[in-house]
Amino acid sequence: MTDLIVKSEHAEEVKSAVRSAIDSQQNALRSSIERTKRILASFEEKYGFDTAHLLAQESDGTLNDDNLDFIEWIGEVRTLEHLRVELELFENINIC
């Protein structure tokens, strides 16, 4: 947990504004995560295998990296990982 300490003559108002901004960012991140999941699902449906299989191919060097969809697909996986980490950071903020 990360404590965010607010010191102000208007501490409650500032805390409320900061909480609102954090909540808004969390909602935006959740929306982005869901959109990214839908993109991953569309790639899985299009190519008939799951993301784990794609990542295994990338890892073992058998991925056809001439296919731009595969490069985009991997990029979406990385984006999803980044979004989840960022959301976790925001979810662990405690405003004091």
N, C-alpha and C. Protein backbone atom coordinates (compact mmCIF):
# COMPACT_ATOMS: atom_id res chain seq x y z
N MET A 1 0.85 -1.18 0.00
CA MET A 1 0.00 0.00 0.00
C MET A 1 0.89 1.23 0.00
N THR A 2 0.52 2.19 -0.81
CA THR A 2 1.24 3.46 -0.89
C THR A 2 0.39 4.52 -0.22
N ASP A 3 0.97 5.19 0.76
CA ASP A 3 0.27 6.28 1.43
C ASP A 3 0.59 7.59 0.74
N LEU A 4 -0.46 8.31 0.38
CA LEU A 4 -0.33 9.62 -0.21
C LEU A 4 -0.82 10.62 0.83
N ILE A 5 0.11 11.40 1.37
CA ILE A 5 -0.22 12.32 2.45
C ILE A 5 -0.54 13.68 1.86
N VAL A 6 -1.71 14.20 2.22
CA VAL A 6 -2.16 15.50 1.74
C VAL A 6 -2.07 16.49 2.89
N LYS A 7 -1.33 17.56 2.67
CA LYS A 7 -1.23 18.64 3.64
C LYS A 7 -1.69 19.92 2.97
N SER A 8 -2.75 20.49 3.48
CA SER A 8 -3.32 21.69 2.89
C SER A 8 -4.26 22.33 3.89
N GLU A 9 -4.48 23.61 3.71
CA GLU A 9 -5.51 24.28 4.53
C GLU A 9 -6.88 23.73 4.18
N HIS A 10 -6.98 23.14 3.01
CA HIS A 10 -8.25 22.58 2.53
C HIS A 10 -8.07 21.08 2.28
N ALA A 11 -7.53 20.41 3.26
CA ALA A 11 -7.13 19.01 3.09
C ALA A 11 -8.28 18.12 2.61
N GLU A 12 -9.44 18.26 3.17
CA GLU A 12 -10.56 17.39 2.79
C GLU A 12 -10.97 17.62 1.34
N GLU A 13 -10.99 18.88 0.92
CA GLU A 13 -11.35 19.17 -0.47
C GLU A 13 -10.28 18.62 -1.42
N VAL A 14 -9.02 18.79 -1.04
CA VAL A 14 -7.92 18.29 -1.87
C VAL A 14 -7.97 16.76 -1.92
N LYS A 15 -8.18 16.14 -0.76
CA LYS A 15 -8.27 14.67 -0.72
C LYS A 15 -9.40 14.18 -1.62
N SER A 16 -10.52 14.88 -1.57
CA SER A 16 -11.66 14.49 -2.40
C SER A 16 -11.34 14.63 -3.88
N ALA A 17 -10.68 15.72 -4.24
CA ALA A 17 -10.31 15.94 -5.65
C ALA A 17 -9.30 14.89 -6.11
N VAL A 18 -8.33 14.57 -5.27
CA VAL A 18 -7.33 13.57 -5.62
C VAL A 18 -7.98 12.20 -5.74
N ARG A 19 -8.87 11.87 -4.81
CA ARG A 19 -9.57 10.58 -4.87
C ARG A 19 -10.38 10.48 -6.15
N SER A 20 -11.05 11.57 -6.50
CA SER A 20 -11.84 11.59 -7.73
C SER A 20 -10.95 11.37 -8.96
N ALA A 21 -9.80 12.03 -8.99
CA ALA A 21 -8.87 11.87 -10.11
C ALA A 21 -8.35 10.44 -10.18
N ILE A 22 -8.03 9.87 -9.04
CA ILE A 22 -7.54 8.49 -9.00
C ILE A 22 -8.64 7.53 -9.47
N ASP A 23 -9.86 7.74 -8.98
CA ASP A 23 -10.98 6.89 -9.41
C ASP A 23 -11.20 6.99 -10.91
N SER A 24 -11.11 8.20 -11.43
CA SER A 24 -11.29 8.41 -12.87
C SER A 24 -10.21 7.67 -13.66
N GLN A 25 -8.98 7.75 -13.18
CA GLN A 25 -7.88 7.05 -13.86
C GLN A 25 -8.06 5.54 -13.79
N GLN A 26 -8.51 5.05 -12.65
CA GLN A 26 -8.76 3.61 -12.52
C GLN A 26 -9.84 3.16 -13.50
N ASN A 27 -10.89 3.96 -13.63
CA ASN A 27 -11.96 3.61 -14.57
C ASN A 27 -11.45 3.61 -16.00
N ALA A 28 -10.61 4.58 -16.34
CA ALA A 28 -10.04 4.63 -17.69
C ALA A 28 -9.15 3.41 -17.94
N LEU A 29 -8.37 3.04 -16.94
CA LEU A 29 -7.51 1.86 -17.08
C LEU A 29 -8.33 0.59 -17.22
N ARG A 30 -9.38 0.46 -16.43
CA ARG A 30 -10.24 -0.73 -16.54
C ARG A 30 -10.87 -0.81 -17.93
N SER A 31 -11.30 0.32 -18.43
CA SER A 31 -11.88 0.36 -19.78
C SER A 31 -10.85 -0.04 -20.82
N SER A 32 -9.64 0.45 -20.68
CA SER A 32 -8.57 0.10 -21.61
C SER A 32 -8.22 -1.38 -21.53
N ILE A 33 -8.23 -1.92 -20.33
CA ILE A 33 -7.97 -3.35 -20.14
C ILE A 33 -9.03 -4.18 -20.85
N GLU A 34 -10.28 -3.81 -20.69
CA GLU A 34 -11.36 -4.56 -21.34
C GLU A 34 -11.26 -4.46 -22.87
N ARG A 35 -10.95 -3.28 -23.37
CA ARG A 35 -10.80 -3.09 -24.81
C ARG A 35 -9.63 -3.94 -25.33
N THR A 36 -8.53 -3.95 -24.60
CA THR A 36 -7.37 -4.74 -25.01
C THR A 36 -7.69 -6.23 -24.97
N LYS A 37 -8.43 -6.67 -23.98
CA LYS A 37 -8.85 -8.08 -23.93
C LYS A 37 -9.70 -8.45 -25.14
N ARG A 38 -10.58 -7.54 -25.55
CA ARG A 38 -11.41 -7.81 -26.73
C ARG A 38 -10.54 -7.92 -27.99
N ILE A 39 -9.53 -7.08 -28.08
CA ILE A 39 -8.62 -7.15 -29.23
C ILE A 39 -7.89 -8.49 -29.23
N LEU A 40 -7.41 -8.91 -28.05
CA LEU A 40 -6.72 -10.20 -27.96
C LEU A 40 -7.67 -11.34 -28.35
N ALA A 41 -8.90 -11.27 -27.89
CA ALA A 41 -9.88 -12.32 -28.22
C ALA A 41 -10.14 -12.36 -29.73
N SER A 42 -10.14 -11.18 -30.37
CA SER A 42 -10.38 -11.18 -31.82
C SER A 42 -9.21 -11.81 -32.57
N PHE A 43 -7.99 -11.58 -32.10
CA PHE A 43 -6.84 -12.24 -32.72
C PHE A 43 -6.92 -13.75 -32.50
N GLU A 44 -7.29 -14.17 -31.30
CA GLU A 44 -7.40 -15.61 -31.01
C GLU A 44 -8.45 -16.26 -31.91
N GLU A 45 -9.55 -15.57 -32.09
CA GLU A 45 -10.61 -16.11 -32.95
C GLU A 45 -10.14 -16.16 -34.41
N LYS A 46 -9.50 -15.10 -34.85
CA LYS A 46 -9.04 -15.02 -36.24
C LYS A 46 -8.04 -16.12 -36.58
N TYR A 47 -7.11 -16.39 -35.66
CA TYR A 47 -6.03 -17.33 -35.96
C TYR A 47 -6.24 -18.72 -35.35
N GLY A 48 -7.24 -18.88 -34.51
CA GLY A 48 -7.58 -20.21 -34.01
C GLY A 48 -6.65 -20.75 -32.95
N PHE A 49 -5.90 -19.88 -32.28
CA PHE A 49 -5.10 -20.32 -31.14
C PHE A 49 -5.02 -19.18 -30.13
N ASP A 50 -4.68 -19.55 -28.89
CA ASP A 50 -4.73 -18.54 -27.83
C ASP A 50 -3.43 -17.76 -27.72
N THR A 51 -3.50 -16.72 -26.93
CA THR A 51 -2.36 -15.82 -26.74
C THR A 51 -1.17 -16.55 -26.13
N ALA A 52 -1.42 -17.48 -25.23
CA ALA A 52 -0.32 -18.23 -24.61
C ALA A 52 0.48 -18.98 -25.68
N HIS A 53 -0.22 -19.52 -26.68
CA HIS A 53 0.46 -20.23 -27.78
C HIS A 53 1.32 -19.25 -28.59
N LEU A 54 0.79 -18.07 -28.84
CA LEU A 54 1.55 -17.06 -29.57
C LEU A 54 2.82 -16.69 -28.81
N LEU A 55 2.69 -16.49 -27.50
CA LEU A 55 3.84 -16.12 -26.69
C LEU A 55 4.86 -17.25 -26.61
N ALA A 56 4.37 -18.49 -26.62
CA ALA A 56 5.29 -19.64 -26.62
C ALA A 56 6.08 -19.66 -27.94
N GLN A 57 5.40 -19.38 -29.04
CA GLN A 57 6.09 -19.32 -30.33
C GLN A 57 7.13 -18.19 -30.33
N GLU A 58 6.77 -17.06 -29.76
CA GLU A 58 7.73 -15.96 -29.69
C GLU A 58 8.94 -16.36 -28.85
N SER A 59 8.68 -17.01 -27.74
CA SER A 59 9.73 -17.42 -26.82
C SER A 59 10.69 -18.44 -27.44
N ASP A 60 10.12 -19.40 -28.17
CA ASP A 60 10.99 -20.44 -28.73
C ASP A 60 11.51 -20.11 -30.14
N GLY A 61 11.18 -18.92 -30.63
CA GLY A 61 11.73 -18.47 -31.90
C GLY A 61 11.03 -18.99 -33.14
N THR A 62 9.86 -19.59 -32.98
CA THR A 62 9.15 -20.14 -34.14
C THR A 62 8.04 -19.23 -34.66
N LEU A 63 7.91 -18.06 -34.09
CA LEU A 63 6.86 -17.13 -34.50
C LEU A 63 7.18 -16.56 -35.88
N ASN A 64 6.18 -16.55 -36.74
CA ASN A 64 6.32 -15.95 -38.06
C ASN A 64 6.22 -14.43 -37.89
N ASP A 65 7.36 -13.79 -37.74
CA ASP A 65 7.33 -12.35 -37.48
C ASP A 65 7.20 -11.53 -38.76
N ASP A 66 6.93 -12.20 -39.88
CA ASP A 66 6.56 -11.49 -41.11
C ASP A 66 5.08 -11.10 -41.08
N ASN A 67 4.33 -11.73 -40.20
CA ASN A 67 2.90 -11.45 -40.08
C ASN A 67 2.73 -10.26 -39.13
N LEU A 68 2.33 -9.14 -39.69
CA LEU A 68 2.18 -7.93 -38.88
C LEU A 68 1.11 -8.07 -37.80
N ASP A 69 0.10 -8.91 -38.05
CA ASP A 69 -0.91 -9.15 -37.02
C ASP A 69 -0.27 -9.75 -35.77
N PHE A 70 0.66 -10.66 -35.96
CA PHE A 70 1.32 -11.28 -34.82
C PHE A 70 2.12 -10.25 -34.02
N ILE A 71 2.76 -9.33 -34.71
CA ILE A 71 3.52 -8.28 -34.03
C ILE A 71 2.57 -7.38 -33.25
N GLU A 72 1.44 -7.03 -33.88
CA GLU A 72 0.44 -6.21 -33.19
C GLU A 72 -0.14 -6.97 -32.00
N TRP A 73 -0.40 -8.23 -32.18
CA TRP A 73 -0.96 -9.08 -31.12
C TRP A 73 -0.02 -9.08 -29.90
N ILE A 74 1.25 -9.28 -30.15
CA ILE A 74 2.22 -9.25 -29.05
C ILE A 74 2.26 -7.87 -28.40
N GLY A 75 2.16 -6.83 -29.21
CA GLY A 75 2.10 -5.48 -28.67
C GLY A 75 0.91 -5.28 -27.75
N GLU A 76 -0.22 -5.85 -28.13
CA GLU A 76 -1.43 -5.75 -27.29
C GLU A 76 -1.23 -6.52 -25.97
N VAL A 77 -0.53 -7.64 -26.03
CA VAL A 77 -0.23 -8.39 -24.81
C VAL A 77 0.61 -7.53 -23.87
N ARG A 78 1.62 -6.89 -24.42
CA ARG A 78 2.50 -6.01 -23.62
C ARG A 78 1.71 -4.83 -23.06
N THR A 79 0.82 -4.29 -23.87
CA THR A 79 -0.03 -3.19 -23.42
C THR A 79 -0.90 -3.64 -22.25
N LEU A 80 -1.49 -4.82 -22.36
CA LEU A 80 -2.33 -5.34 -21.29
C LEU A 80 -1.53 -5.50 -20.00
N GLU A 81 -0.33 -6.03 -20.11
CA GLU A 81 0.52 -6.18 -18.93
C GLU A 81 0.79 -4.83 -18.28
N HIS A 82 1.12 -3.83 -19.09
CA HIS A 82 1.40 -2.49 -18.59
C HIS A 82 0.16 -1.88 -17.91
N LEU A 83 -0.99 -2.02 -18.54
CA LEU A 83 -2.22 -1.47 -17.98
C LEU A 83 -2.55 -2.12 -16.63
N ARG A 84 -2.36 -3.42 -16.53
CA ARG A 84 -2.65 -4.11 -15.27
C ARG A 84 -1.72 -3.65 -14.15
N VAL A 85 -0.44 -3.46 -14.46
CA VAL A 85 0.52 -2.98 -13.46
C VAL A 85 0.13 -1.58 -13.02
N GLU A 86 -0.20 -0.72 -13.97
CA GLU A 86 -0.56 0.65 -13.63
C GLU A 86 -1.84 0.69 -12.79
N LEU A 87 -2.83 -0.13 -13.14
CA LEU A 87 -4.06 -0.18 -12.36
C LEU A 87 -3.77 -0.62 -10.93
N GLU A 88 -2.93 -1.62 -10.78
CA GLU A 88 -2.57 -2.10 -9.45
C GLU A 88 -1.93 -0.99 -8.62
N LEU A 89 -1.09 -0.18 -9.24
CA LEU A 89 -0.47 0.94 -8.52
C LEU A 89 -1.53 1.90 -8.00
N PHE A 90 -2.48 2.25 -8.87
CA PHE A 90 -3.54 3.17 -8.45
C PHE A 90 -4.46 2.56 -7.39
N GLU A 91 -4.71 1.26 -7.49
CA GLU A 91 -5.59 0.61 -6.53
C GLU A 91 -4.96 0.54 -5.15
N ASN A 92 -3.65 0.66 -5.07
CA ASN A 92 -2.95 0.56 -3.79
C ASN A 92 -2.59 1.90 -3.17
N ILE A 93 -3.22 2.96 -3.66
CA ILE A 93 -2.98 4.28 -3.08
C ILE A 93 -3.95 4.53 -1.94
N ASN A 94 -3.42 4.87 -0.81
CA ASN A 94 -4.22 5.24 0.36
C ASN A 94 -3.99 6.73 0.61
N ILE A 95 -5.05 7.51 0.52
CA ILE A 95 -4.92 8.96 0.71
C ILE A 95 -5.10 9.27 2.19
N CYS A 96 -4.08 9.91 2.76
CA CYS A 96 -4.09 10.24 4.19
C CYS A 96 -4.24 11.74 4.38
